[in-house]
Amino acid sequence: MNLIEIDLCAKLPEGFAFVDIETRKTDVPSSFYHLLPSGYSMKRRWQCFLIGLALDDKLFLAYGDEAEILEWFSEKVAGRKVVYISRNGFDEHILGGTFTNARSPKMKKPGPWPHCRQTMTWLRISPKDVYGFSDRPLDIESKEVPEAWDAGKKEIVLIHCLRDVFEGFWALEDAHDVRLPEILSDPNNEIYQKWKPK
């Protein structure tokens, strides 16, 4: 597993962890069978290959072996409320191993692939409840992330994930009125801004 650690220069609200994941499609094991509402069996799944995680006064970017980064993540967030931005619970269900696709219900139990095995407390914030992201510098479209990563453009994907984690800070402020240290409340803070694409 590869791990980048960034000092936030301020402490995040106690008891919270902020997460964003990056994923790509991969085949499910040939022995696995799950029938989707469309009538077709599930042949592909979303694999987590990068996790951005912020807690206390650190932000981490972990990537590499899926099982290793999920185990690391599970240990880090134990006992915390995990904050993420999503319309449909994507991150939570991917990490829990139960996501199928955007148009189908999640599975009742995880598939036979790496997933977080412990029960977690999730706080999903809808994008419609989040404001103030218009100043985000251009990095890469979310739909282009898997191809960029596989093409070796890791830096731009890491920047994208880091910025998504920062948006989780602001989402918590906007939607739940949890105050952040001033340095982390501003999209123009130097930590956020220094991670610009070259």
N, C-alpha and C. Protein backbone atom coordinates (compact mmCIF):
# COMPACT_ATOMS: atom_id res chain seq x y z
N MET A 1 0.84 -1.19 0.00
CA MET A 1 0.00 0.00 0.00
C MET A 1 0.87 1.24 0.00
N ASN A 2 0.50 2.24 -0.76
CA ASN A 2 1.19 3.53 -0.79
C ASN A 2 0.39 4.55 -0.01
N LEU A 3 1.09 5.37 0.78
CA LEU A 3 0.40 6.31 1.65
C LEU A 3 1.07 7.68 1.61
N ILE A 4 0.29 8.71 1.29
CA ILE A 4 0.74 10.09 1.35
C ILE A 4 0.06 10.74 2.55
N GLU A 5 0.84 11.41 3.38
CA GLU A 5 0.31 12.07 4.58
C GLU A 5 0.52 13.57 4.48
N ILE A 6 -0.52 14.35 4.70
CA ILE A 6 -0.48 15.80 4.57
C ILE A 6 -0.89 16.43 5.90
N ASP A 7 -0.10 17.36 6.39
CA ASP A 7 -0.41 18.07 7.62
C ASP A 7 -1.41 19.18 7.31
N LEU A 8 -2.55 19.17 7.97
CA LEU A 8 -3.59 20.17 7.71
C LEU A 8 -3.36 21.49 8.46
N CYS A 9 -2.42 21.50 9.38
CA CYS A 9 -2.11 22.73 10.14
C CYS A 9 -3.27 23.20 11.01
N ALA A 10 -4.27 22.36 11.21
CA ALA A 10 -5.42 22.68 12.07
C ALA A 10 -6.13 21.37 12.37
N LYS A 11 -6.90 21.35 13.44
CA LYS A 11 -7.57 20.12 13.86
C LYS A 11 -9.03 20.11 13.41
N LEU A 12 -9.43 19.03 12.81
CA LEU A 12 -10.81 18.86 12.37
C LEU A 12 -11.71 18.56 13.56
N PRO A 13 -13.03 18.72 13.39
CA PRO A 13 -13.95 18.43 14.50
C PRO A 13 -13.76 17.02 15.05
N GLU A 14 -13.75 16.91 16.35
CA GLU A 14 -13.49 15.62 17.00
C GLU A 14 -14.59 14.62 16.69
N GLY A 15 -14.18 13.38 16.44
CA GLY A 15 -15.13 12.31 16.21
C GLY A 15 -15.57 12.14 14.77
N PHE A 16 -15.08 13.00 13.87
CA PHE A 16 -15.45 12.90 12.45
C PHE A 16 -14.26 12.42 11.62
N ALA A 17 -14.57 11.72 10.54
CA ALA A 17 -13.59 11.38 9.51
C ALA A 17 -14.23 11.73 8.17
N PHE A 18 -13.45 12.26 7.25
CA PHE A 18 -13.96 12.70 5.95
C PHE A 18 -13.33 11.83 4.87
N VAL A 19 -14.17 11.22 4.03
CA VAL A 19 -13.65 10.27 3.07
C VAL A 19 -14.14 10.56 1.66
N ASP A 20 -13.30 10.24 0.71
CA ASP A 20 -13.69 10.18 -0.70
C ASP A 20 -12.93 9.02 -1.31
N ILE A 21 -13.58 8.30 -2.21
CA ILE A 21 -12.93 7.16 -2.85
C ILE A 21 -12.90 7.35 -4.36
N GLU A 22 -11.93 6.73 -4.99
CA GLU A 22 -11.87 6.65 -6.45
C GLU A 22 -11.95 5.19 -6.83
N THR A 23 -12.71 4.90 -7.89
CA THR A 23 -13.00 3.51 -8.24
C THR A 23 -12.84 3.27 -9.73
N ARG A 24 -12.76 2.01 -10.07
CA ARG A 24 -12.74 1.60 -11.48
C ARG A 24 -13.48 0.27 -11.60
N LYS A 25 -13.94 -0.04 -12.80
CA LYS A 25 -14.67 -1.28 -13.03
C LYS A 25 -13.69 -2.47 -13.12
N THR A 26 -14.11 -3.59 -12.55
CA THR A 26 -13.35 -4.83 -12.66
C THR A 26 -14.33 -6.00 -12.68
N ASP A 27 -13.87 -7.14 -13.14
CA ASP A 27 -14.74 -8.32 -13.22
C ASP A 27 -15.03 -8.87 -11.83
N VAL A 28 -16.23 -9.43 -11.65
CA VAL A 28 -16.53 -10.15 -10.41
C VAL A 28 -16.01 -11.58 -10.59
N PRO A 29 -15.76 -12.30 -9.48
CA PRO A 29 -15.32 -13.70 -9.61
C PRO A 29 -16.30 -14.52 -10.43
N SER A 30 -15.79 -15.43 -11.22
CA SER A 30 -16.64 -16.21 -12.13
C SER A 30 -17.67 -17.05 -11.37
N SER A 31 -17.38 -17.39 -10.12
CA SER A 31 -18.30 -18.21 -9.34
C SER A 31 -19.44 -17.40 -8.72
N PHE A 32 -19.34 -16.06 -8.79
CA PHE A 32 -20.34 -15.20 -8.15
C PHE A 32 -21.54 -15.01 -9.07
N TYR A 33 -22.73 -15.08 -8.47
CA TYR A 33 -23.95 -14.87 -9.26
C TYR A 33 -24.90 -13.97 -8.49
N HIS A 34 -25.27 -12.85 -9.10
CA HIS A 34 -26.27 -11.96 -8.52
C HIS A 34 -27.12 -11.42 -9.65
N LEU A 35 -28.42 -11.66 -9.58
CA LEU A 35 -29.33 -11.25 -10.64
C LEU A 35 -29.78 -9.81 -10.41
N LEU A 36 -29.56 -8.96 -11.39
CA LEU A 36 -29.98 -7.56 -11.31
C LEU A 36 -31.45 -7.44 -11.75
N PRO A 37 -32.10 -6.33 -11.38
CA PRO A 37 -33.50 -6.13 -11.79
C PRO A 37 -33.70 -6.18 -13.30
N SER A 38 -32.66 -5.88 -14.05
CA SER A 38 -32.75 -5.93 -15.51
C SER A 38 -32.90 -7.34 -16.04
N GLY A 39 -32.63 -8.33 -15.18
CA GLY A 39 -32.68 -9.73 -15.61
C GLY A 39 -31.32 -10.30 -15.96
N TYR A 40 -30.32 -9.43 -16.02
CA TYR A 40 -28.96 -9.88 -16.31
C TYR A 40 -28.19 -10.12 -15.02
N SER A 41 -27.26 -11.07 -15.05
CA SER A 41 -26.43 -11.31 -13.87
C SER A 41 -25.33 -10.25 -13.81
N MET A 42 -24.86 -9.98 -12.63
CA MET A 42 -23.83 -8.96 -12.40
C MET A 42 -22.47 -9.53 -12.80
N LYS A 43 -21.83 -8.89 -13.78
CA LYS A 43 -20.54 -9.36 -14.28
C LYS A 43 -19.37 -8.47 -13.85
N ARG A 44 -19.69 -7.21 -13.53
CA ARG A 44 -18.63 -6.25 -13.20
C ARG A 44 -18.99 -5.55 -11.89
N ARG A 45 -17.99 -5.04 -11.23
CA ARG A 45 -18.20 -4.29 -10.00
C ARG A 45 -17.26 -3.09 -9.98
N TRP A 46 -17.51 -2.17 -9.05
CA TRP A 46 -16.63 -1.03 -8.85
C TRP A 46 -15.58 -1.39 -7.80
N GLN A 47 -14.32 -1.27 -8.18
CA GLN A 47 -13.20 -1.57 -7.29
C GLN A 47 -12.60 -0.28 -6.76
N CYS A 48 -12.43 -0.19 -5.45
CA CYS A 48 -11.80 0.98 -4.83
C CYS A 48 -10.28 0.86 -4.94
N PHE A 49 -9.64 1.85 -5.58
CA PHE A 49 -8.18 1.81 -5.70
C PHE A 49 -7.48 2.98 -5.01
N LEU A 50 -8.27 3.96 -4.55
CA LEU A 50 -7.69 5.13 -3.89
C LEU A 50 -8.69 5.65 -2.85
N ILE A 51 -8.19 5.90 -1.65
CA ILE A 51 -9.02 6.48 -0.60
C ILE A 51 -8.37 7.77 -0.10
N GLY A 52 -9.15 8.85 -0.10
CA GLY A 52 -8.73 10.08 0.55
C GLY A 52 -9.42 10.15 1.90
N LEU A 53 -8.66 10.38 2.96
CA LEU A 53 -9.22 10.35 4.30
C LEU A 53 -8.61 11.46 5.14
N ALA A 54 -9.45 12.24 5.80
CA ALA A 54 -8.98 13.29 6.70
C ALA A 54 -9.59 13.09 8.08
N LEU A 55 -8.75 13.18 9.09
CA LEU A 55 -9.20 13.13 10.48
C LEU A 55 -8.14 13.79 11.36
N ASP A 56 -8.59 14.29 12.50
CA ASP A 56 -7.70 15.02 13.40
C ASP A 56 -7.01 16.15 12.64
N ASP A 57 -5.69 16.14 12.51
CA ASP A 57 -4.99 17.21 11.80
C ASP A 57 -4.24 16.70 10.58
N LYS A 58 -4.68 15.54 10.04
CA LYS A 58 -3.99 14.92 8.91
C LYS A 58 -4.96 14.59 7.78
N LEU A 59 -4.45 14.64 6.57
CA LEU A 59 -5.17 14.14 5.40
C LEU A 59 -4.29 13.08 4.75
N PHE A 60 -4.88 11.93 4.45
CA PHE A 60 -4.14 10.81 3.87
C PHE A 60 -4.70 10.47 2.49
N LEU A 61 -3.80 10.06 1.62
CA LEU A 61 -4.18 9.50 0.32
C LEU A 61 -3.55 8.11 0.27
N ALA A 62 -4.40 7.08 0.30
CA ALA A 62 -3.92 5.70 0.33
C ALA A 62 -4.32 5.00 -0.96
N TYR A 63 -3.36 4.35 -1.59
CA TYR A 63 -3.67 3.65 -2.83
C TYR A 63 -2.81 2.40 -2.95
N GLY A 64 -3.27 1.48 -3.79
CA GLY A 64 -2.57 0.22 -3.97
C GLY A 64 -3.52 -0.94 -3.88
N ASP A 65 -3.10 -2.00 -3.20
CA ASP A 65 -3.91 -3.21 -3.08
C ASP A 65 -5.23 -2.91 -2.40
N GLU A 66 -6.33 -3.32 -3.01
CA GLU A 66 -7.66 -2.98 -2.51
C GLU A 66 -7.88 -3.49 -1.09
N ALA A 67 -7.54 -4.74 -0.81
CA ALA A 67 -7.76 -5.30 0.52
C ALA A 67 -6.95 -4.55 1.57
N GLU A 68 -5.74 -4.17 1.24
CA GLU A 68 -4.87 -3.48 2.20
C GLU A 68 -5.40 -2.08 2.52
N ILE A 69 -5.82 -1.33 1.50
CA ILE A 69 -6.28 0.03 1.79
C ILE A 69 -7.61 0.02 2.53
N LEU A 70 -8.45 -0.98 2.29
CA LEU A 70 -9.73 -1.07 3.01
C LEU A 70 -9.50 -1.46 4.48
N GLU A 71 -8.54 -2.34 4.72
CA GLU A 71 -8.22 -2.69 6.10
C GLU A 71 -7.65 -1.49 6.85
N TRP A 72 -6.75 -0.76 6.18
CA TRP A 72 -6.17 0.45 6.78
C TRP A 72 -7.26 1.47 7.08
N PHE A 73 -8.17 1.68 6.14
CA PHE A 73 -9.27 2.62 6.32
C PHE A 73 -10.14 2.23 7.51
N SER A 74 -10.51 0.96 7.59
CA SER A 74 -11.37 0.47 8.66
C SER A 74 -10.77 0.76 10.03
N GLU A 75 -9.47 0.53 10.15
CA GLU A 75 -8.80 0.77 11.43
C GLU A 75 -8.76 2.26 11.77
N LYS A 76 -8.54 3.09 10.76
CA LYS A 76 -8.42 4.53 10.98
C LYS A 76 -9.73 5.17 11.44
N VAL A 77 -10.84 4.73 10.89
CA VAL A 77 -12.12 5.41 11.16
C VAL A 77 -12.91 4.77 12.31
N ALA A 78 -12.38 3.74 12.92
CA ALA A 78 -13.10 3.06 14.00
C ALA A 78 -13.54 4.05 15.06
N GLY A 79 -14.83 4.02 15.40
CA GLY A 79 -15.38 4.88 16.45
C GLY A 79 -15.70 6.30 16.01
N ARG A 80 -15.57 6.59 14.71
CA ARG A 80 -15.84 7.93 14.21
C ARG A 80 -17.06 7.94 13.30
N LYS A 81 -17.62 9.11 13.11
CA LYS A 81 -18.69 9.31 12.13
C LYS A 81 -18.02 9.64 10.80
N VAL A 82 -18.30 8.83 9.77
CA VAL A 82 -17.62 8.96 8.48
C VAL A 82 -18.47 9.81 7.53
N VAL A 83 -17.94 10.96 7.13
CA VAL A 83 -18.66 11.93 6.31
C VAL A 83 -18.26 11.77 4.85
N TYR A 84 -19.25 11.73 3.96
CA TYR A 84 -18.96 11.69 2.53
C TYR A 84 -20.10 12.36 1.77
N ILE A 85 -19.80 12.76 0.54
CA ILE A 85 -20.80 13.42 -0.33
C ILE A 85 -21.23 12.44 -1.41
N SER A 86 -22.54 12.23 -1.52
CA SER A 86 -23.03 11.32 -2.55
C SER A 86 -24.53 11.49 -2.71
N ARG A 87 -25.01 11.27 -3.92
CA ARG A 87 -26.46 11.29 -4.17
C ARG A 87 -27.12 9.97 -3.75
N ASN A 88 -26.37 8.87 -3.87
CA ASN A 88 -26.99 7.55 -3.74
C ASN A 88 -26.28 6.62 -2.75
N GLY A 89 -25.38 7.12 -1.93
CA GLY A 89 -24.68 6.26 -0.98
C GLY A 89 -23.56 5.46 -1.60
N PHE A 90 -23.05 5.90 -2.75
CA PHE A 90 -22.05 5.15 -3.51
C PHE A 90 -20.86 4.74 -2.65
N ASP A 91 -20.20 5.69 -1.99
CA ASP A 91 -18.98 5.39 -1.24
C ASP A 91 -19.24 4.35 -0.16
N GLU A 92 -20.30 4.56 0.58
CA GLU A 92 -20.65 3.67 1.69
C GLU A 92 -20.88 2.25 1.21
N HIS A 93 -21.60 2.10 0.10
CA HIS A 93 -21.94 0.76 -0.39
C HIS A 93 -20.76 0.10 -1.11
N ILE A 94 -19.92 0.89 -1.76
CA ILE A 94 -18.70 0.33 -2.35
C ILE A 94 -17.80 -0.21 -1.24
N LEU A 95 -17.57 0.61 -0.21
CA LEU A 95 -16.68 0.20 0.88
C LEU A 95 -17.26 -0.99 1.65
N GLY A 96 -18.60 -1.07 1.69
CA GLY A 96 -19.25 -2.19 2.35
C GLY A 96 -19.40 -3.43 1.49
N GLY A 97 -19.05 -3.32 0.20
CA GLY A 97 -19.08 -4.48 -0.69
C GLY A 97 -20.44 -4.84 -1.24
N THR A 98 -21.44 -3.90 -1.12
CA THR A 98 -22.81 -4.24 -1.51
C THR A 98 -23.34 -3.47 -2.71
N PHE A 99 -22.52 -2.62 -3.33
CA PHE A 99 -23.01 -1.80 -4.44
C PHE A 99 -23.12 -2.65 -5.70
N THR A 100 -24.20 -2.43 -6.45
CA THR A 100 -24.37 -3.11 -7.74
C THR A 100 -24.17 -2.11 -8.88
N ASN A 101 -25.17 -1.26 -9.09
CA ASN A 101 -25.02 -0.15 -10.03
C ASN A 101 -26.01 0.94 -9.63
N ALA A 102 -25.94 2.07 -10.33
CA ALA A 102 -26.72 3.24 -9.92
C ALA A 102 -28.23 3.03 -10.04
N ARG A 103 -28.65 2.06 -10.84
CA ARG A 103 -30.08 1.86 -11.09
C ARG A 103 -30.65 0.66 -10.35
N SER A 104 -29.83 -0.01 -9.55
CA SER A 104 -30.28 -1.23 -8.87
C SER A 104 -30.09 -1.13 -7.37
N PRO A 105 -30.92 -1.83 -6.59
CA PRO A 105 -30.73 -1.82 -5.13
C PRO A 105 -29.39 -2.45 -4.76
N LYS A 106 -28.87 -2.03 -3.62
CA LYS A 106 -27.64 -2.66 -3.15
C LYS A 106 -27.93 -4.09 -2.73
N MET A 107 -26.91 -4.91 -2.68
CA MET A 107 -27.08 -6.30 -2.27
C MET A 107 -27.32 -6.39 -0.76
N LYS A 108 -27.97 -7.45 -0.33
CA LYS A 108 -28.26 -7.60 1.08
C LYS A 108 -27.03 -8.01 1.89
N LYS A 109 -26.06 -8.63 1.23
CA LYS A 109 -24.81 -8.97 1.90
C LYS A 109 -23.66 -8.73 0.91
N PRO A 110 -22.44 -8.50 1.43
CA PRO A 110 -21.31 -8.17 0.54
C PRO A 110 -20.98 -9.31 -0.41
N GLY A 111 -20.45 -8.93 -1.56
CA GLY A 111 -19.96 -9.91 -2.51
C GLY A 111 -18.62 -10.48 -2.06
N PRO A 112 -18.13 -11.50 -2.78
CA PRO A 112 -16.87 -12.16 -2.40
C PRO A 112 -15.64 -11.40 -2.89
N TRP A 113 -15.51 -10.18 -2.47
CA TRP A 113 -14.37 -9.34 -2.82
C TRP A 113 -14.03 -8.46 -1.62
N PRO A 114 -12.90 -7.77 -1.63
CA PRO A 114 -12.51 -6.97 -0.46
C PRO A 114 -13.56 -5.92 -0.10
N HIS A 115 -13.82 -5.79 1.20
CA HIS A 115 -14.76 -4.78 1.69
C HIS A 115 -14.50 -4.55 3.18
N CYS A 116 -15.03 -3.47 3.70
CA CYS A 116 -14.90 -3.17 5.13
C CYS A 116 -15.86 -4.08 5.90
N ARG A 117 -15.33 -4.84 6.83
CA ARG A 117 -16.14 -5.86 7.50
C ARG A 117 -16.80 -5.36 8.78
N GLN A 118 -16.38 -4.23 9.29
CA GLN A 118 -16.97 -3.75 10.53
C GLN A 118 -18.12 -2.79 10.25
N THR A 119 -19.01 -2.68 11.23
CA THR A 119 -20.11 -1.72 11.12
C THR A 119 -19.58 -0.31 11.35
N MET A 120 -19.99 0.63 10.50
CA MET A 120 -19.53 2.02 10.62
C MET A 120 -20.73 2.95 10.73
N THR A 121 -20.46 4.12 11.27
CA THR A 121 -21.48 5.16 11.34
C THR A 121 -21.23 6.15 10.21
N TRP A 122 -22.16 6.22 9.27
CA TRP A 122 -21.98 7.03 8.07
C TRP A 122 -22.81 8.30 8.15
N LEU A 123 -22.28 9.36 7.59
CA LEU A 123 -23.04 10.61 7.43
C LEU A 123 -22.94 11.02 5.97
N ARG A 124 -23.98 10.68 5.21
CA ARG A 124 -24.00 11.04 3.78
C ARG A 124 -24.61 12.42 3.62
N ILE A 125 -23.93 13.25 2.85
CA ILE A 125 -24.42 14.59 2.55
C ILE A 125 -24.69 14.67 1.05
N SER A 126 -25.89 15.09 0.69
CA SER A 126 -26.25 15.20 -0.72
C SER A 126 -25.55 16.40 -1.35
N PRO A 127 -25.09 16.27 -2.59
CA PRO A 127 -24.46 17.41 -3.27
C PRO A 127 -25.35 18.65 -3.32
N LYS A 128 -26.67 18.46 -3.32
CA LYS A 128 -27.57 19.62 -3.40
C LYS A 128 -27.53 20.46 -2.13
N ASP A 129 -27.00 19.88 -1.04
CA ASP A 129 -26.90 20.62 0.22
C ASP A 129 -25.55 21.30 0.42
N VAL A 130 -24.72 21.25 -0.61
CA VAL A 130 -23.36 21.77 -0.50
C VAL A 130 -23.22 23.00 -1.39
N TYR A 131 -22.55 24.01 -0.86
CA TYR A 131 -22.43 25.27 -1.59
C TYR A 131 -20.96 25.69 -1.67
N GLY A 132 -20.70 26.62 -2.59
CA GLY A 132 -19.40 27.28 -2.59
C GLY A 132 -18.27 26.54 -3.27
N PHE A 133 -18.60 25.61 -4.19
CA PHE A 133 -17.52 24.87 -4.85
C PHE A 133 -17.13 25.47 -6.20
N SER A 134 -17.71 26.61 -6.55
CA SER A 134 -17.49 27.15 -7.89
C SER A 134 -16.05 27.60 -8.12
N ASP A 135 -15.29 27.84 -7.03
CA ASP A 135 -13.92 28.28 -7.19
C ASP A 135 -12.93 27.13 -7.29
N ARG A 136 -13.42 25.92 -7.33
CA ARG A 136 -12.51 24.77 -7.39
C ARG A 136 -11.68 24.82 -8.67
N PRO A 137 -10.34 24.77 -8.55
CA PRO A 137 -9.51 24.76 -9.75
C PRO A 137 -9.76 23.49 -10.57
N LEU A 138 -9.62 23.61 -11.85
CA LEU A 138 -9.85 22.47 -12.74
C LEU A 138 -8.79 21.39 -12.49
N ASP A 139 -9.22 20.14 -12.31
CA ASP A 139 -8.26 19.06 -12.28
C ASP A 139 -8.66 18.01 -13.31
N ILE A 140 -9.67 17.18 -13.00
CA ILE A 140 -10.10 16.15 -13.93
C ILE A 140 -11.54 15.78 -13.61
N GLU A 141 -12.31 15.45 -14.63
CA GLU A 141 -13.69 15.02 -14.43
C GLU A 141 -13.70 13.65 -13.74
N SER A 142 -14.67 13.44 -12.84
CA SER A 142 -14.74 12.18 -12.11
C SER A 142 -14.81 10.97 -13.05
N LYS A 143 -15.56 11.10 -14.13
CA LYS A 143 -15.72 9.97 -15.05
C LYS A 143 -14.41 9.62 -15.77
N GLU A 144 -13.45 10.54 -15.78
CA GLU A 144 -12.18 10.30 -16.46
C GLU A 144 -11.11 9.74 -15.54
N VAL A 145 -11.42 9.64 -14.24
CA VAL A 145 -10.41 9.23 -13.25
C VAL A 145 -9.85 7.84 -13.52
N PRO A 146 -10.68 6.80 -13.72
CA PRO A 146 -10.09 5.45 -13.91
C PRO A 146 -9.11 5.38 -15.08
N GLU A 147 -9.50 5.96 -16.21
CA GLU A 147 -8.64 5.92 -17.39
C GLU A 147 -7.34 6.68 -17.15
N ALA A 148 -7.45 7.84 -16.49
CA ALA A 148 -6.25 8.63 -16.19
C ALA A 148 -5.31 7.86 -15.28
N TRP A 149 -5.85 7.23 -14.25
CA TRP A 149 -5.02 6.48 -13.31
C TRP A 149 -4.31 5.33 -14.01
N ASP A 150 -5.06 4.57 -14.80
CA ASP A 150 -4.46 3.44 -15.51
C ASP A 150 -3.45 3.87 -16.56
N ALA A 151 -3.57 5.14 -17.01
CA ALA A 151 -2.61 5.68 -17.99
C ALA A 151 -1.36 6.25 -17.30
N GLY A 152 -1.30 6.16 -15.97
CA GLY A 152 -0.13 6.63 -15.25
C GLY A 152 -0.20 8.08 -14.81
N LYS A 153 -1.37 8.73 -14.97
CA LYS A 153 -1.51 10.14 -14.58
C LYS A 153 -1.97 10.23 -13.12
N LYS A 154 -1.14 9.69 -12.24
CA LYS A 154 -1.53 9.55 -10.84
C LYS A 154 -1.66 10.89 -10.13
N GLU A 155 -0.78 11.83 -10.45
CA GLU A 155 -0.78 13.10 -9.72
C GLU A 155 -2.11 13.84 -9.85
N ILE A 156 -2.64 13.90 -11.05
CA ILE A 156 -3.88 14.64 -11.26
C ILE A 156 -5.05 13.95 -10.56
N VAL A 157 -5.02 12.62 -10.48
CA VAL A 157 -6.07 11.88 -9.77
C VAL A 157 -5.94 12.09 -8.26
N LEU A 158 -4.72 12.11 -7.75
CA LEU A 158 -4.52 12.38 -6.32
C LEU A 158 -5.02 13.78 -5.96
N ILE A 159 -4.75 14.75 -6.83
CA ILE A 159 -5.24 16.11 -6.61
C ILE A 159 -6.77 16.12 -6.57
N HIS A 160 -7.38 15.43 -7.51
CA HIS A 160 -8.84 15.35 -7.58
C HIS A 160 -9.42 14.77 -6.29
N CYS A 161 -8.84 13.68 -5.81
CA CYS A 161 -9.34 13.03 -4.60
C CYS A 161 -9.15 13.93 -3.38
N LEU A 162 -7.99 14.56 -3.26
CA LEU A 162 -7.73 15.48 -2.15
C LEU A 162 -8.78 16.59 -2.11
N ARG A 163 -9.10 17.14 -3.26
CA ARG A 163 -10.07 18.23 -3.30
C ARG A 163 -11.47 17.75 -2.94
N ASP A 164 -11.79 16.52 -3.32
CA ASP A 164 -13.08 15.96 -2.92
C ASP A 164 -13.18 15.82 -1.40
N VAL A 165 -12.08 15.45 -0.76
CA VAL A 165 -12.08 15.36 0.70
C VAL A 165 -12.31 16.74 1.32
N PHE A 166 -11.63 17.76 0.78
CA PHE A 166 -11.84 19.12 1.27
C PHE A 166 -13.30 19.53 1.14
N GLU A 167 -13.94 19.15 0.06
CA GLU A 167 -15.34 19.50 -0.12
C GLU A 167 -16.21 18.85 0.96
N GLY A 168 -15.76 17.72 1.48
CA GLY A 168 -16.46 17.10 2.60
C GLY A 168 -16.44 17.98 3.84
N PHE A 169 -15.31 18.69 4.06
CA PHE A 169 -15.25 19.63 5.19
C PHE A 169 -16.35 20.68 5.04
N TRP A 170 -16.39 21.28 3.86
CA TRP A 170 -17.33 22.38 3.62
C TRP A 170 -18.76 21.88 3.62
N ALA A 171 -18.96 20.64 3.16
CA ALA A 171 -20.31 20.07 3.17
C ALA A 171 -20.82 19.95 4.60
N LEU A 172 -19.96 19.53 5.51
CA LEU A 172 -20.38 19.39 6.90
C LEU A 172 -20.75 20.75 7.49
N GLU A 173 -19.98 21.77 7.15
CA GLU A 173 -20.31 23.12 7.61
C GLU A 173 -21.65 23.58 7.05
N ASP A 174 -21.84 23.40 5.75
CA ASP A 174 -23.04 23.90 5.08
C ASP A 174 -24.30 23.17 5.52
N ALA A 175 -24.22 21.85 5.60
CA ALA A 175 -25.42 21.05 5.82
C ALA A 175 -25.72 20.78 7.30
N HIS A 176 -24.70 20.86 8.14
CA HIS A 176 -24.91 20.48 9.54
C HIS A 176 -24.39 21.51 10.53
N ASP A 177 -23.95 22.64 10.02
CA ASP A 177 -23.54 23.75 10.87
C ASP A 177 -22.47 23.34 11.88
N VAL A 178 -21.52 22.53 11.43
CA VAL A 178 -20.37 22.18 12.26
C VAL A 178 -19.22 23.11 11.87
N ARG A 179 -18.72 23.84 12.82
CA ARG A 179 -17.70 24.85 12.52
C ARG A 179 -16.33 24.23 12.34
N LEU A 180 -15.62 24.71 11.33
CA LEU A 180 -14.25 24.28 11.06
C LEU A 180 -13.27 25.36 11.47
N PRO A 181 -12.00 24.98 11.73
CA PRO A 181 -10.98 26.01 11.88
C PRO A 181 -10.94 26.87 10.63
N GLU A 182 -10.70 28.16 10.80
CA GLU A 182 -10.79 29.10 9.68
C GLU A 182 -9.90 28.70 8.50
N ILE A 183 -8.72 28.16 8.79
CA ILE A 183 -7.80 27.81 7.70
C ILE A 183 -8.40 26.75 6.78
N LEU A 184 -9.31 25.91 7.30
CA LEU A 184 -9.91 24.85 6.49
C LEU A 184 -11.26 25.24 5.92
N SER A 185 -11.80 26.36 6.34
CA SER A 185 -13.11 26.80 5.85
C SER A 185 -13.02 27.52 4.50
N ASP A 186 -11.83 27.93 4.13
CA ASP A 186 -11.64 28.79 2.96
C ASP A 186 -11.10 28.00 1.78
N PRO A 187 -11.80 27.95 0.63
CA PRO A 187 -11.28 27.26 -0.54
C PRO A 187 -9.95 27.82 -1.03
N ASN A 188 -9.59 29.01 -0.58
CA ASN A 188 -8.32 29.60 -1.01
C ASN A 188 -7.19 29.34 -0.02
N ASN A 189 -7.40 28.46 0.96
CA ASN A 189 -6.32 28.19 1.91
C ASN A 189 -5.13 27.57 1.18
N GLU A 190 -3.95 27.78 1.73
CA GLU A 190 -2.73 27.43 1.00
C GLU A 190 -2.54 25.93 0.83
N ILE A 191 -3.10 25.12 1.75
CA ILE A 191 -2.96 23.66 1.61
C ILE A 191 -3.72 23.20 0.37
N TYR A 192 -4.95 23.67 0.25
CA TYR A 192 -5.79 23.30 -0.89
C TYR A 192 -5.18 23.84 -2.20
N GLN A 193 -4.76 25.08 -2.16
CA GLN A 193 -4.31 25.72 -3.39
C GLN A 193 -2.98 25.19 -3.89
N LYS A 194 -2.13 24.73 -3.00
CA LYS A 194 -0.80 24.29 -3.46
C LYS A 194 -0.88 22.97 -4.24
N TRP A 195 -2.01 22.24 -4.08
CA TRP A 195 -2.18 21.02 -4.84
C TRP A 195 -2.89 21.32 -6.16
N LYS A 196 -2.27 22.16 -6.95
CA LYS A 196 -2.83 22.51 -8.26
C LYS A 196 -2.12 21.69 -9.34
N PRO A 197 -2.83 21.35 -10.40
CA PRO A 197 -2.14 20.65 -11.49
C PRO A 197 -1.06 21.51 -12.08
N LYS A 198 0.06 20.88 -12.41
CA LYS A 198 1.17 21.64 -12.99
C LYS A 198 0.92 21.86 -14.47
